[in-house]
Amino acid sequence: MTNKNLYIPLIILSVFFSAALSVLIKLAQQDTNVFTSAFFRFFFGILVLFPFFIKNKLNVFKTPNLKVHIIRVIINYPSMLLFFYAINFVSIEKANSLTFAVPFIATILAVIFLKEKIYIYRTIALVLGFIGMLIIIRPGMIEVSLGVYMILISSFLWALVIIITKKLSKDDSALTILSYQYIFMFLISFVFAIFNWQSPSLETLIYLFLAGLSGTIFHLTSYQAYKLVDVSLVQPYFFLVLVFASILGYFVFDEIPDIYTWIGTGVIFAGVLIISIKEMQISKSIVNKNLNAEL
C-alpha cells in the first residue's frame, strides 16, 4: 500500500469513530442538554490534544489562515449543534443515514470550488452509495420531523466545512486544523453552556470523555485523509457510517436494523469496493511506471 492509499484505513477509522461519537452523545443527552454536552465534548477533546501541544511546543498554532479557521468554526458549530440536538428525536441508524447528503454536496462543491475532476468510477461509487441509502431509508416512509430537517441542514453545513478543510490542508497540518477547531469551539460552547448549564452525572461525564476521544480520532484521521487525496475520492467511504451506526445502535439502544438496511449496506459496500480496488490499481500502475523510468 502506497502512502497515498493510507487514506483508506484512515477514512474507515474516521467513519467508525464518527458513528461512535453520535452514539456517545445520544447516551450523554439522556442526562444532560445539548449545550452542556457540546462543552464537555470539546473540553475533553482539548485534554486529549494537550500532549500534542506540549510535544510540538505550540508550533501547531502557526498558520497563515487564521481568518479561514474562524470562518470554518462559525459554520462548524451550528452544524454540530443541530446534529447533537436532532439525535434526541431520530434513531442513530436513521440520523446517520440522513447525513448521506454530505458526500453528494461535498463532491459537487469540490468540483465547483476546488476544481476536482470526477472520474467515472468515483461517480459509480457515489451512485451506488446513493442507491444503497435509498434502499435503507425508503423515501416516503420516514416521518419528516423537525429532527430530520435539522440533520439535513447540518449535513449541508458540514459539506461546507469539508471543502474549507481541504483548502486549509494545503498549508496546515491535520493537528493545526483540529487545534484551532477545538480551541474556538470550546470557547463558543462555554458561553452557551453557562446560560444553559445542566450538571452531568459521573456516568455521563465518562460518556462525554469517550465522545471527546472519539471525536478527536474522527477529525484527525479524516483531515489527514483530505491531505492525501481529493475530497471526491474520500466521500463514498462515508456511506460506511451507516454500517457502524446500525451495529452500535443495535448493541447500545436495541435498535434492530431491518432487511432493507442490510441490502442497502451490501450495495454501499459494492461502491466502496469498486473505488478502493480502482485507486489501488492506479497507484500500483504509477509506482511501476516510476520504477521502469528509473531502470
C-alpha atoms as a PDB file:
ATOM      1  CA  MET A   1       0.000   0.000   0.000  1.00  0.00           C
ATOM      2  CA  THR A   2       1.471   3.395  -1.010  1.00  0.00           C
ATOM      3  CA  ASN A   3       1.431   6.407   1.299  1.00  0.00           C
ATOM      4  CA  LYS A   4      -1.401   7.856  -0.743  1.00  0.00           C
ATOM      5  CA  ASN A   5      -3.510   4.737  -0.196  1.00  0.00           C
ATOM      6  CA  LEU A   6      -3.200   5.189   3.560  1.00  0.00           C
ATOM      7  CA  TYR A   7      -6.335   7.299   3.153  1.00  0.00           C
ATOM      8  CA  ILE A   8      -8.344   4.036   3.050  1.00  0.00           C
ATOM      9  CA  PRO A   9      -7.664   2.830   6.635  1.00  0.00           C
ATOM     10  CA  LEU A  10      -7.660   6.456   7.806  1.00  0.00           C
ATOM     11  CA  ILE A  11     -11.122   7.188   6.468  1.00  0.00           C
ATOM     12  CA  ILE A  12     -12.563   3.856   7.663  1.00  0.00           C
ATOM     13  CA  LEU A  13     -11.269   4.632  11.167  1.00  0.00           C
ATOM     14  CA  SER A  14     -12.727   8.111  10.844  1.00  0.00           C
ATOM     15  CA  VAL A  15     -16.151   6.786   9.868  1.00  0.00           C
ATOM     16  CA  PHE A  16     -16.219   4.297  12.757  1.00  0.00           C
ATOM     17  CA  PHE A  17     -15.393   6.946  15.352  1.00  0.00           C
ATOM     18  CA  SER A  18     -17.924   9.310  13.771  1.00  0.00           C
ATOM     19  CA  ALA A  19     -20.628   6.707  14.417  1.00  0.00           C
ATOM     20  CA  ALA A  20     -19.269   6.090  17.929  1.00  0.00           C
ATOM     21  CA  LEU A  21     -19.378   9.835  18.635  1.00  0.00           C
ATOM     22  CA  SER A  22     -23.077  10.075  17.763  1.00  0.00           C
ATOM     23  CA  VAL A  23     -23.885   7.078  19.998  1.00  0.00           C
ATOM     24  CA  LEU A  24     -21.943   8.504  22.953  1.00  0.00           C
ATOM     25  CA  ILE A  25     -23.547  11.939  22.613  1.00  0.00           C
ATOM     26  CA  LYS A  26     -27.012  10.372  22.480  1.00  0.00           C
ATOM     27  CA  LEU A  27     -26.215   8.417  25.655  1.00  0.00           C
ATOM     28  CA  ALA A  28     -24.949  11.574  27.375  1.00  0.00           C
ATOM     29  CA  GLN A  29     -28.010  13.591  26.414  1.00  0.00           C
ATOM     30  CA  GLN A  30     -30.265  11.228  28.311  1.00  0.00           C
ATOM     31  CA  ASP A  31     -28.911  13.041  31.375  1.00  0.00           C
ATOM     32  CA  THR A  32     -27.890  16.493  30.141  1.00  0.00           C
ATOM     33  CA  ASN A  33     -28.670  19.007  27.383  1.00  0.00           C
ATOM     34  CA  VAL A  34     -27.027  19.655  24.040  1.00  0.00           C
ATOM     35  CA  PHE A  35     -25.120  22.777  25.164  1.00  0.00           C
ATOM     36  CA  THR A  36     -23.533  21.059  28.160  1.00  0.00           C
ATOM     37  CA  SER A  37     -22.729  18.023  26.004  1.00  0.00           C
ATOM     38  CA  ALA A  38     -21.002  20.211  23.406  1.00  0.00           C
ATOM     39  CA  PHE A  39     -18.968  21.982  26.104  1.00  0.00           C
ATOM     40  CA  PHE A  40     -17.640  18.786  27.673  1.00  0.00           C
ATOM     41  CA  ARG A  41     -17.103  17.149  24.277  1.00  0.00           C
ATOM     42  CA  PHE A  42     -14.565  19.890  23.437  1.00  0.00           C
ATOM     43  CA  PHE A  43     -13.228  20.239  26.983  1.00  0.00           C
ATOM     44  CA  PHE A  44     -12.223  16.578  26.978  1.00  0.00           C
ATOM     45  CA  GLY A  45     -11.132  16.839  23.351  1.00  0.00           C
ATOM     46  CA  ILE A  46      -8.637  19.557  24.288  1.00  0.00           C
ATOM     47  CA  LEU A  47      -7.351  17.384  27.144  1.00  0.00           C
ATOM     48  CA  VAL A  48      -6.715  14.606  24.617  1.00  0.00           C
ATOM     49  CA  LEU A  49      -4.840  17.062  22.368  1.00  0.00           C
ATOM     50  CA  PHE A  50      -2.860  18.667  25.209  1.00  0.00           C
ATOM     51  CA  PRO A  51       0.118  16.243  24.985  1.00  0.00           C
ATOM     52  CA  PHE A  52       0.418  17.156  21.283  1.00  0.00           C
ATOM     53  CA  PHE A  53       0.533  20.859  22.218  1.00  0.00           C
ATOM     54  CA  ILE A  54       3.391  20.175  24.651  1.00  0.00           C
ATOM     55  CA  LYS A  55       5.267  17.915  22.231  1.00  0.00           C
ATOM     56  CA  ASN A  56       5.095  20.473  19.409  1.00  0.00           C
ATOM     57  CA  LYS A  57       5.822  23.439  21.720  1.00  0.00           C
ATOM     58  CA  LEU A  58       2.687  25.216  20.474  1.00  0.00           C
ATOM     59  CA  ASN A  59       4.004  25.225  16.883  1.00  0.00           C
ATOM     60  CA  VAL A  60       0.663  23.696  15.888  1.00  0.00           C
ATOM     61  CA  PHE A  61      -0.842  27.189  16.131  1.00  0.00           C
ATOM     62  CA  LYS A  62       1.361  28.639  13.388  1.00  0.00           C
ATOM     63  CA  THR A  63      -0.864  29.292  10.368  1.00  0.00           C
ATOM     64  CA  PRO A  64      -1.290  31.845   7.570  1.00  0.00           C
ATOM     65  CA  ASN A  65      -5.038  31.118   7.546  1.00  0.00           C
ATOM     66  CA  LEU A  66      -6.396  32.376  10.876  1.00  0.00           C
ATOM     67  CA  LYS A  67      -9.431  34.086   9.305  1.00  0.00           C
ATOM     68  CA  VAL A  68     -10.311  30.921   7.378  1.00  0.00           C
ATOM     69  CA  HIS A  69     -10.120  28.880  10.585  1.00  0.00           C
ATOM     70  CA  ILE A  70     -12.554  31.309  12.239  1.00  0.00           C
ATOM     71  CA  ILE A  71     -14.992  31.112   9.311  1.00  0.00           C
ATOM     72  CA  ARG A  72     -14.766  27.334   9.411  1.00  0.00           C
ATOM     73  CA  VAL A  73     -15.669  27.230  13.107  1.00  0.00           C
ATOM     74  CA  ILE A  74     -18.587  29.644  12.607  1.00  0.00           C
ATOM     75  CA  ILE A  75     -20.037  27.132  10.122  1.00  0.00           C
ATOM     76  CA  ASN A  76     -18.968  24.036  12.076  1.00  0.00           C
ATOM     77  CA  TYR A  77     -20.554  24.926  15.433  1.00  0.00           C
ATOM     78  CA  PRO A  78     -24.203  25.154  14.278  1.00  0.00           C
ATOM     79  CA  SER A  79     -23.695  22.048  12.132  1.00  0.00           C
ATOM     80  CA  MET A  80     -22.594  20.074  15.189  1.00  0.00           C
ATOM     81  CA  LEU A  81     -25.254  21.535  17.480  1.00  0.00           C
ATOM     82  CA  LEU A  82     -28.079  20.739  15.052  1.00  0.00           C
ATOM     83  CA  PHE A  83     -26.938  17.122  14.755  1.00  0.00           C
ATOM     84  CA  PHE A  84     -26.496  16.691  18.516  1.00  0.00           C
ATOM     85  CA  TYR A  85     -29.999  18.054  19.113  1.00  0.00           C
ATOM     86  CA  ALA A  86     -31.590  16.001  16.332  1.00  0.00           C
ATOM     87  CA  ILE A  87     -30.346  12.610  17.582  1.00  0.00           C
ATOM     88  CA  ASN A  88     -32.616  13.041  20.602  1.00  0.00           C
ATOM     89  CA  PHE A  89     -35.570  12.531  18.246  1.00  0.00           C
ATOM     90  CA  VAL A  90     -34.176  10.302  15.480  1.00  0.00           C
ATOM     91  CA  SER A  91     -32.650   6.817  15.816  1.00  0.00           C
ATOM     92  CA  ILE A  92     -28.868   6.537  15.409  1.00  0.00           C
ATOM     93  CA  GLU A  93     -29.311   4.483  12.239  1.00  0.00           C
ATOM     94  CA  LYS A  94     -31.700   6.979  10.619  1.00  0.00           C
ATOM     95  CA  ALA A  95     -29.752  10.012  11.801  1.00  0.00           C
ATOM     96  CA  ASN A  96     -26.564   8.759  10.180  1.00  0.00           C
ATOM     97  CA  SER A  97     -28.379   7.717   7.001  1.00  0.00           C
ATOM     98  CA  LEU A  98     -29.725  11.252   6.622  1.00  0.00           C
ATOM     99  CA  THR A  99     -26.155  12.599   6.725  1.00  0.00           C
ATOM    100  CA  PHE A 100     -25.598  10.815   3.423  1.00  0.00           C
ATOM    101  CA  ALA A 101     -26.447  14.104   1.790  1.00  0.00           C
ATOM    102  CA  VAL A 102     -22.907  15.159   2.756  1.00  0.00           C
ATOM    103  CA  PRO A 103     -20.935  13.092   0.179  1.00  0.00           C
ATOM    104  CA  PHE A 104     -23.034  14.397  -2.707  1.00  0.00           C
ATOM    105  CA  ILE A 105     -22.970  18.027  -1.591  1.00  0.00           C
ATOM    106  CA  ALA A 106     -19.237  17.870  -0.814  1.00  0.00           C
ATOM    107  CA  THR A 107     -18.449  16.275  -4.179  1.00  0.00           C
ATOM    108  CA  ILE A 108     -20.395  18.959  -6.070  1.00  0.00           C
ATOM    109  CA  LEU A 109     -18.737  21.721  -4.043  1.00  0.00           C
ATOM    110  CA  ALA A 110     -15.315  20.143  -4.652  1.00  0.00           C
ATOM    111  CA  VAL A 111     -15.875  20.328  -8.405  1.00  0.00           C
ATOM    112  CA  ILE A 112     -17.020  23.962  -8.201  1.00  0.00           C
ATOM    113  CA  PHE A 113     -14.539  25.396  -5.694  1.00  0.00           C
ATOM    114  CA  LEU A 114     -11.573  23.001  -5.740  1.00  0.00           C
ATOM    115  CA  LYS A 115     -11.716  22.225  -9.484  1.00  0.00           C
ATOM    116  CA  GLU A 116     -11.538  18.488  -8.805  1.00  0.00           C
ATOM    117  CA  LYS A 117     -12.222  16.021 -11.611  1.00  0.00           C
ATOM    118  CA  ILE A 118     -14.913  13.394 -11.127  1.00  0.00           C
ATOM    119  CA  TYR A 119     -13.794  10.135 -12.712  1.00  0.00           C
ATOM    120  CA  ILE A 120     -16.346   7.564 -13.843  1.00  0.00           C
ATOM    121  CA  TYR A 121     -15.542   5.011 -11.122  1.00  0.00           C
ATOM    122  CA  ARG A 122     -15.931   7.677  -8.428  1.00  0.00           C
ATOM    123  CA  THR A 123     -19.300   8.581  -9.926  1.00  0.00           C
ATOM    124  CA  ILE A 124     -20.335   4.909  -9.931  1.00  0.00           C
ATOM    125  CA  ALA A 125     -19.321   4.588  -6.263  1.00  0.00           C
ATOM    126  CA  LEU A 126     -21.362   7.672  -5.345  1.00  0.00           C
ATOM    127  CA  VAL A 127     -24.387   6.432  -7.298  1.00  0.00           C
ATOM    128  CA  LEU A 128     -24.202   3.008  -5.619  1.00  0.00           C
ATOM    129  CA  GLY A 129     -23.923   4.733  -2.256  1.00  0.00           C
ATOM    130  CA  PHE A 130     -26.997   6.818  -3.056  1.00  0.00           C
ATOM    131  CA  ILE A 131     -28.961   3.741  -4.188  1.00  0.00           C
ATOM    132  CA  GLY A 132     -27.945   1.935  -1.009  1.00  0.00           C
ATOM    133  CA  MET A 133     -29.109   4.907   1.032  1.00  0.00           C
ATOM    134  CA  LEU A 134     -32.493   4.949  -0.748  1.00  0.00           C
ATOM    135  CA  ILE A 135     -32.943   1.227  -0.071  1.00  0.00           C
ATOM    136  CA  ILE A 136     -32.237   1.790   3.609  1.00  0.00           C
ATOM    137  CA  ILE A 137     -34.325   4.896   4.313  1.00  0.00           C
ATOM    138  CA  ARG A 138     -37.056   4.276   1.686  1.00  0.00           C
ATOM    139  CA  PRO A 139     -38.204   7.868   0.977  1.00  0.00           C
ATOM    140  CA  GLY A 140     -41.820   8.461   1.880  1.00  0.00           C
ATOM    141  CA  MET A 141     -41.662   6.034   4.783  1.00  0.00           C
ATOM    142  CA  ILE A 142     -39.566   8.194   7.115  1.00  0.00           C
ATOM    143  CA  GLU A 143     -41.517  10.556   9.348  1.00  0.00           C
ATOM    144  CA  VAL A 144     -40.490  14.063   8.333  1.00  0.00           C
ATOM    145  CA  SER A 145     -39.927  15.580  11.751  1.00  0.00           C
ATOM    146  CA  LEU A 146     -38.024  18.619  12.984  1.00  0.00           C
ATOM    147  CA  GLY A 147     -35.090  16.305  13.704  1.00  0.00           C
ATOM    148  CA  VAL A 148     -34.928  15.261  10.042  1.00  0.00           C
ATOM    149  CA  TYR A 149     -34.766  18.871   8.852  1.00  0.00           C
ATOM    150  CA  MET A 150     -32.090  19.646  11.437  1.00  0.00           C
ATOM    151  CA  ILE A 151     -29.880  16.813  10.199  1.00  0.00           C
ATOM    152  CA  LEU A 152     -30.285  17.871   6.565  1.00  0.00           C
ATOM    153  CA  ILE A 153     -29.271  21.463   7.389  1.00  0.00           C
ATOM    154  CA  SER A 154     -26.396  20.116   9.490  1.00  0.00           C
ATOM    155  CA  SER A 155     -25.268  17.981   6.541  1.00  0.00           C
ATOM    156  CA  PHE A 156     -25.153  20.962   4.189  1.00  0.00           C
ATOM    157  CA  LEU A 157     -23.090  22.972   6.671  1.00  0.00           C
ATOM    158  CA  TRP A 158     -20.736  20.026   7.251  1.00  0.00           C
ATOM    159  CA  ALA A 159     -20.164  19.697   3.499  1.00  0.00           C
ATOM    160  CA  LEU A 160     -19.008  23.331   3.500  1.00  0.00           C
ATOM    161  CA  VAL A 161     -16.683  22.543   6.412  1.00  0.00           C
ATOM    162  CA  ILE A 162     -15.171  19.657   4.412  1.00  0.00           C
ATOM    163  CA  ILE A 163     -14.359  21.946   1.474  1.00  0.00           C
ATOM    164  CA  ILE A 164     -12.765  24.541   3.768  1.00  0.00           C
ATOM    165  CA  THR A 165     -10.794  21.762   5.478  1.00  0.00           C
ATOM    166  CA  LYS A 166      -9.385  20.620   2.145  1.00  0.00           C
ATOM    167  CA  LYS A 167      -8.326  24.188   1.336  1.00  0.00           C
ATOM    168  CA  LEU A 168      -6.667  24.563   4.745  1.00  0.00           C
ATOM    169  CA  SER A 169      -4.857  21.230   4.414  1.00  0.00           C
ATOM    170  CA  LYS A 170      -2.623  22.698   1.695  1.00  0.00           C
ATOM    171  CA  ASP A 171      -0.874  24.897   4.277  1.00  0.00           C
ATOM    172  CA  ASP A 172      -1.801  23.474   7.676  1.00  0.00           C
ATOM    173  CA  SER A 173      -1.352  20.055   9.255  1.00  0.00           C
ATOM    174  CA  ALA A 174      -4.305  17.983  10.433  1.00  0.00           C
ATOM    175  CA  LEU A 175      -3.249  18.761  14.006  1.00  0.00           C
ATOM    176  CA  THR A 176      -3.205  22.519  13.351  1.00  0.00           C
ATOM    177  CA  ILE A 177      -6.673  22.438  11.801  1.00  0.00           C
ATOM    178  CA  LEU A 178      -8.031  20.395  14.688  1.00  0.00           C
ATOM    179  CA  SER A 179      -6.333  22.559  17.334  1.00  0.00           C
ATOM    180  CA  TYR A 180      -7.929  25.759  16.077  1.00  0.00           C
ATOM    181  CA  GLN A 181     -11.265  23.997  15.720  1.00  0.00           C
ATOM    182  CA  TYR A 182     -11.180  22.705  19.296  1.00  0.00           C
ATOM    183  CA  ILE A 183      -9.993  25.964  20.900  1.00  0.00           C
ATOM    184  CA  PHE A 184     -12.607  28.109  19.163  1.00  0.00           C
ATOM    185  CA  MET A 185     -15.407  25.544  19.505  1.00  0.00           C
ATOM    186  CA  PHE A 186     -14.597  25.165  23.210  1.00  0.00           C
ATOM    187  CA  LEU A 187     -14.858  28.931  23.753  1.00  0.00           C
ATOM    188  CA  ILE A 188     -18.164  29.178  21.888  1.00  0.00           C
ATOM    189  CA  SER A 189     -19.665  26.140  23.622  1.00  0.00           C
ATOM    190  CA  PHE A 190     -18.506  27.502  27.008  1.00  0.00           C
ATOM    191  CA  VAL A 191     -20.542  30.684  26.507  1.00  0.00           C
ATOM    192  CA  PHE A 192     -23.695  28.771  25.530  1.00  0.00           C
ATOM    193  CA  ALA A 193     -23.204  26.221  28.326  1.00  0.00           C
ATOM    194  CA  ILE A 194     -23.054  28.941  31.013  1.00  0.00           C
ATOM    195  CA  PHE A 195     -26.583  30.068  30.176  1.00  0.00           C
ATOM    196  CA  ASN A 196     -27.938  26.535  29.721  1.00  0.00           C
ATOM    197  CA  TRP A 197     -25.993  24.603  32.363  1.00  0.00           C
ATOM    198  CA  GLN A 198     -27.158  21.147  33.406  1.00  0.00           C
ATOM    199  CA  SER A 199     -24.753  19.251  35.664  1.00  0.00           C
ATOM    200  CA  PRO A 200     -23.961  15.767  34.294  1.00  0.00           C
ATOM    201  CA  SER A 201     -23.580  12.636  36.411  1.00  0.00           C
ATOM    202  CA  LEU A 202     -20.282  10.742  36.662  1.00  0.00           C
ATOM    203  CA  GLU A 203     -21.555   8.151  34.161  1.00  0.00           C
ATOM    204  CA  THR A 204     -22.459  10.915  31.716  1.00  0.00           C
ATOM    205  CA  LEU A 205     -19.026  12.505  32.146  1.00  0.00           C
ATOM    206  CA  ILE A 206     -17.475   9.169  31.160  1.00  0.00           C
ATOM    207  CA  TYR A 207     -19.636   9.112  28.010  1.00  0.00           C
ATOM    208  CA  LEU A 208     -18.582  12.685  27.232  1.00  0.00           C
ATOM    209  CA  PHE A 209     -14.895  11.902  27.774  1.00  0.00           C
ATOM    210  CA  LEU A 210     -15.199   8.983  25.345  1.00  0.00           C
ATOM    211  CA  ALA A 211     -17.058  11.322  22.961  1.00  0.00           C
ATOM    212  CA  GLY A 212     -14.162  13.780  23.159  1.00  0.00           C
ATOM    213  CA  LEU A 213     -11.693  10.980  22.440  1.00  0.00           C
ATOM    214  CA  SER A 214     -13.792   9.546  19.585  1.00  0.00           C
ATOM    215  CA  GLY A 215     -14.335  12.980  18.070  1.00  0.00           C
ATOM    216  CA  THR A 216     -10.616  13.717  18.155  1.00  0.00           C
ATOM    217  CA  ILE A 217      -9.730  10.465  16.386  1.00  0.00           C
ATOM    218  CA  PHE A 218     -12.559  11.051  13.882  1.00  0.00           C
ATOM    219  CA  HIS A 219     -11.300  14.509  12.949  1.00  0.00           C
ATOM    220  CA  LEU A 220      -7.568  13.737  12.919  1.00  0.00           C
ATOM    221  CA  THR A 221      -7.961  10.715  10.646  1.00  0.00           C
ATOM    222  CA  SER A 222     -10.378  12.403   8.244  1.00  0.00           C
ATOM    223  CA  TYR A 223      -8.279  15.587   7.998  1.00  0.00           C
ATOM    224  CA  GLN A 224      -5.167  13.528   7.279  1.00  0.00           C
ATOM    225  CA  ALA A 225      -7.082  11.663   4.556  1.00  0.00           C
ATOM    226  CA  TYR A 226      -8.035  15.001   2.958  1.00  0.00           C
ATOM    227  CA  LYS A 227      -4.334  15.919   2.809  1.00  0.00           C
ATOM    228  CA  LEU A 228      -3.577  12.741   0.850  1.00  0.00           C
ATOM    229  CA  VAL A 229      -6.346  12.628  -1.770  1.00  0.00           C
ATOM    230  CA  ASP A 230      -9.217  14.552  -3.385  1.00  0.00           C
ATOM    231  CA  VAL A 231     -12.423  15.232  -1.454  1.00  0.00           C
ATOM    232  CA  SER A 232     -14.449  13.444  -4.148  1.00  0.00           C
ATOM    233  CA  LEU A 233     -12.405  10.265  -3.636  1.00  0.00           C
ATOM    234  CA  VAL A 234     -12.966  10.165   0.125  1.00  0.00           C
ATOM    235  CA  GLN A 235     -16.725  10.801   0.114  1.00  0.00           C
ATOM    236  CA  PRO A 236     -18.028   7.322  -0.925  1.00  0.00           C
ATOM    237  CA  TYR A 237     -16.413   5.832   2.185  1.00  0.00           C
ATOM    238  CA  PHE A 238     -18.654   7.929   4.414  1.00  0.00           C
ATOM    239  CA  PHE A 239     -21.583   5.718   3.441  1.00  0.00           C
ATOM    240  CA  LEU A 240     -19.956   3.098   5.696  1.00  0.00           C
ATOM    241  CA  VAL A 241     -21.073   5.151   8.692  1.00  0.00           C
ATOM    242  CA  LEU A 242     -24.489   3.512   8.418  1.00  0.00           C
ATOM    243  CA  VAL A 243     -22.936   0.073   8.809  1.00  0.00           C
ATOM    244  CA  PHE A 244     -21.176   1.069  12.021  1.00  0.00           C
ATOM    245  CA  ALA A 245     -24.158   3.100  13.250  1.00  0.00           C
ATOM    246  CA  SER A 246     -26.517   0.154  12.728  1.00  0.00           C
ATOM    247  CA  ILE A 247     -24.221  -2.211  14.647  1.00  0.00           C
ATOM    248  CA  LEU A 248     -23.678   0.227  17.519  1.00  0.00           C
ATOM    249  CA  GLY A 249     -27.359   1.171  17.585  1.00  0.00           C
ATOM    250  CA  TYR A 250     -28.288  -2.498  17.914  1.00  0.00           C
ATOM    251  CA  PHE A 251     -25.951  -3.211  20.836  1.00  0.00           C
ATOM    252  CA  VAL A 252     -26.445   0.079  22.710  1.00  0.00           C
ATOM    253  CA  PHE A 253     -30.064   1.081  22.040  1.00  0.00           C
ATOM    254  CA  ASP A 254     -31.602  -2.227  20.868  1.00  0.00           C
ATOM    255  CA  GLU A 255     -32.329  -0.590  17.503  1.00  0.00           C
ATOM    256  CA  ILE A 256     -32.673  -3.588  15.205  1.00  0.00           C
ATOM    257  CA  PRO A 257     -31.783  -2.955  11.526  1.00  0.00           C
ATOM    258  CA  ASP A 258     -34.325  -4.390   9.090  1.00  0.00           C
ATOM    259  CA  ILE A 259     -33.628  -6.426   5.942  1.00  0.00           C
ATOM    260  CA  TYR A 260     -33.555  -3.261   3.825  1.00  0.00           C
ATOM    261  CA  THR A 261     -30.684  -1.926   5.932  1.00  0.00           C
ATOM    262  CA  TRP A 262     -28.576  -4.990   5.161  1.00  0.00           C
ATOM    263  CA  ILE A 263     -29.449  -4.978   1.442  1.00  0.00           C
ATOM    264  CA  GLY A 264     -28.614  -1.287   1.223  1.00  0.00           C
ATOM    265  CA  THR A 265     -25.413  -1.875   3.145  1.00  0.00           C
ATOM    266  CA  GLY A 266     -24.378  -4.510   0.598  1.00  0.00           C
ATOM    267  CA  VAL A 267     -24.887  -2.030  -2.240  1.00  0.00           C
ATOM    268  CA  ILE A 268     -22.865   0.597  -0.365  1.00  0.00           C
ATOM    269  CA  PHE A 269     -20.041  -1.884   0.205  1.00  0.00           C
ATOM    270  CA  ALA A 270     -20.016  -2.626  -3.525  1.00  0.00           C
ATOM    271  CA  GLY A 271     -19.427   1.056  -4.270  1.00  0.00           C
ATOM    272  CA  VAL A 272     -16.646   1.349  -1.712  1.00  0.00           C
ATOM    273  CA  LEU A 273     -15.024  -1.848  -3.001  1.00  0.00           C
ATOM    274  CA  ILE A 274     -15.031  -0.568  -6.592  1.00  0.00           C
ATOM    275  CA  ILE A 275     -13.356   2.714  -5.718  1.00  0.00           C
ATOM    276  CA  SER A 276     -10.806   1.062  -3.389  1.00  0.00           C
ATOM    277  CA  ILE A 277      -9.712  -1.507  -5.976  1.00  0.00           C
ATOM    278  CA  LYS A 278      -9.556   1.049  -8.787  1.00  0.00           C
ATOM    279  CA  GLU A 279      -7.498   3.576  -6.803  1.00  0.00           C
ATOM    280  CA  MET A 280      -5.046   0.893  -5.665  1.00  0.00           C
ATOM    281  CA  GLN A 281      -4.666  -0.277  -9.280  1.00  0.00           C
ATOM    282  CA  ILE A 282      -3.916   3.290 -10.362  1.00  0.00           C
ATOM    283  CA  SER A 283      -1.361   3.753  -7.566  1.00  0.00           C
ATOM    284  CA  LYS A 284       0.307   0.448  -8.440  1.00  0.00           C
ATOM    285  CA  SER A 285       0.469   1.468 -12.099  1.00  0.00           C
ATOM    286  CA  ILE A 286       2.102   4.799 -11.180  1.00  0.00           C
ATOM    287  CA  VAL A 287       4.677   3.045  -8.976  1.00  0.00           C
ATOM    288  CA  ASN A 288       5.514   0.566 -11.770  1.00  0.00           C
ATOM    289  CA  LYS A 289       5.937   3.393 -14.290  1.00  0.00           C
ATOM    290  CA  ASN A 290       8.292   5.230 -11.943  1.00  0.00           C
ATOM    291  CA  LEU A 291      10.351   2.073 -11.399  1.00  0.00           C
ATOM    292  CA  ASN A 292      10.577   1.452 -15.141  1.00  0.00           C
ATOM    293  CA  ALA A 293      11.645   5.046 -15.696  1.00  0.00           C
ATOM    294  CA  GLU A 294      14.424   4.699 -13.117  1.00  0.00           C
ATOM    295  CA  LEU A 295      15.629   1.482 -14.766  1.00  0.00           C
END
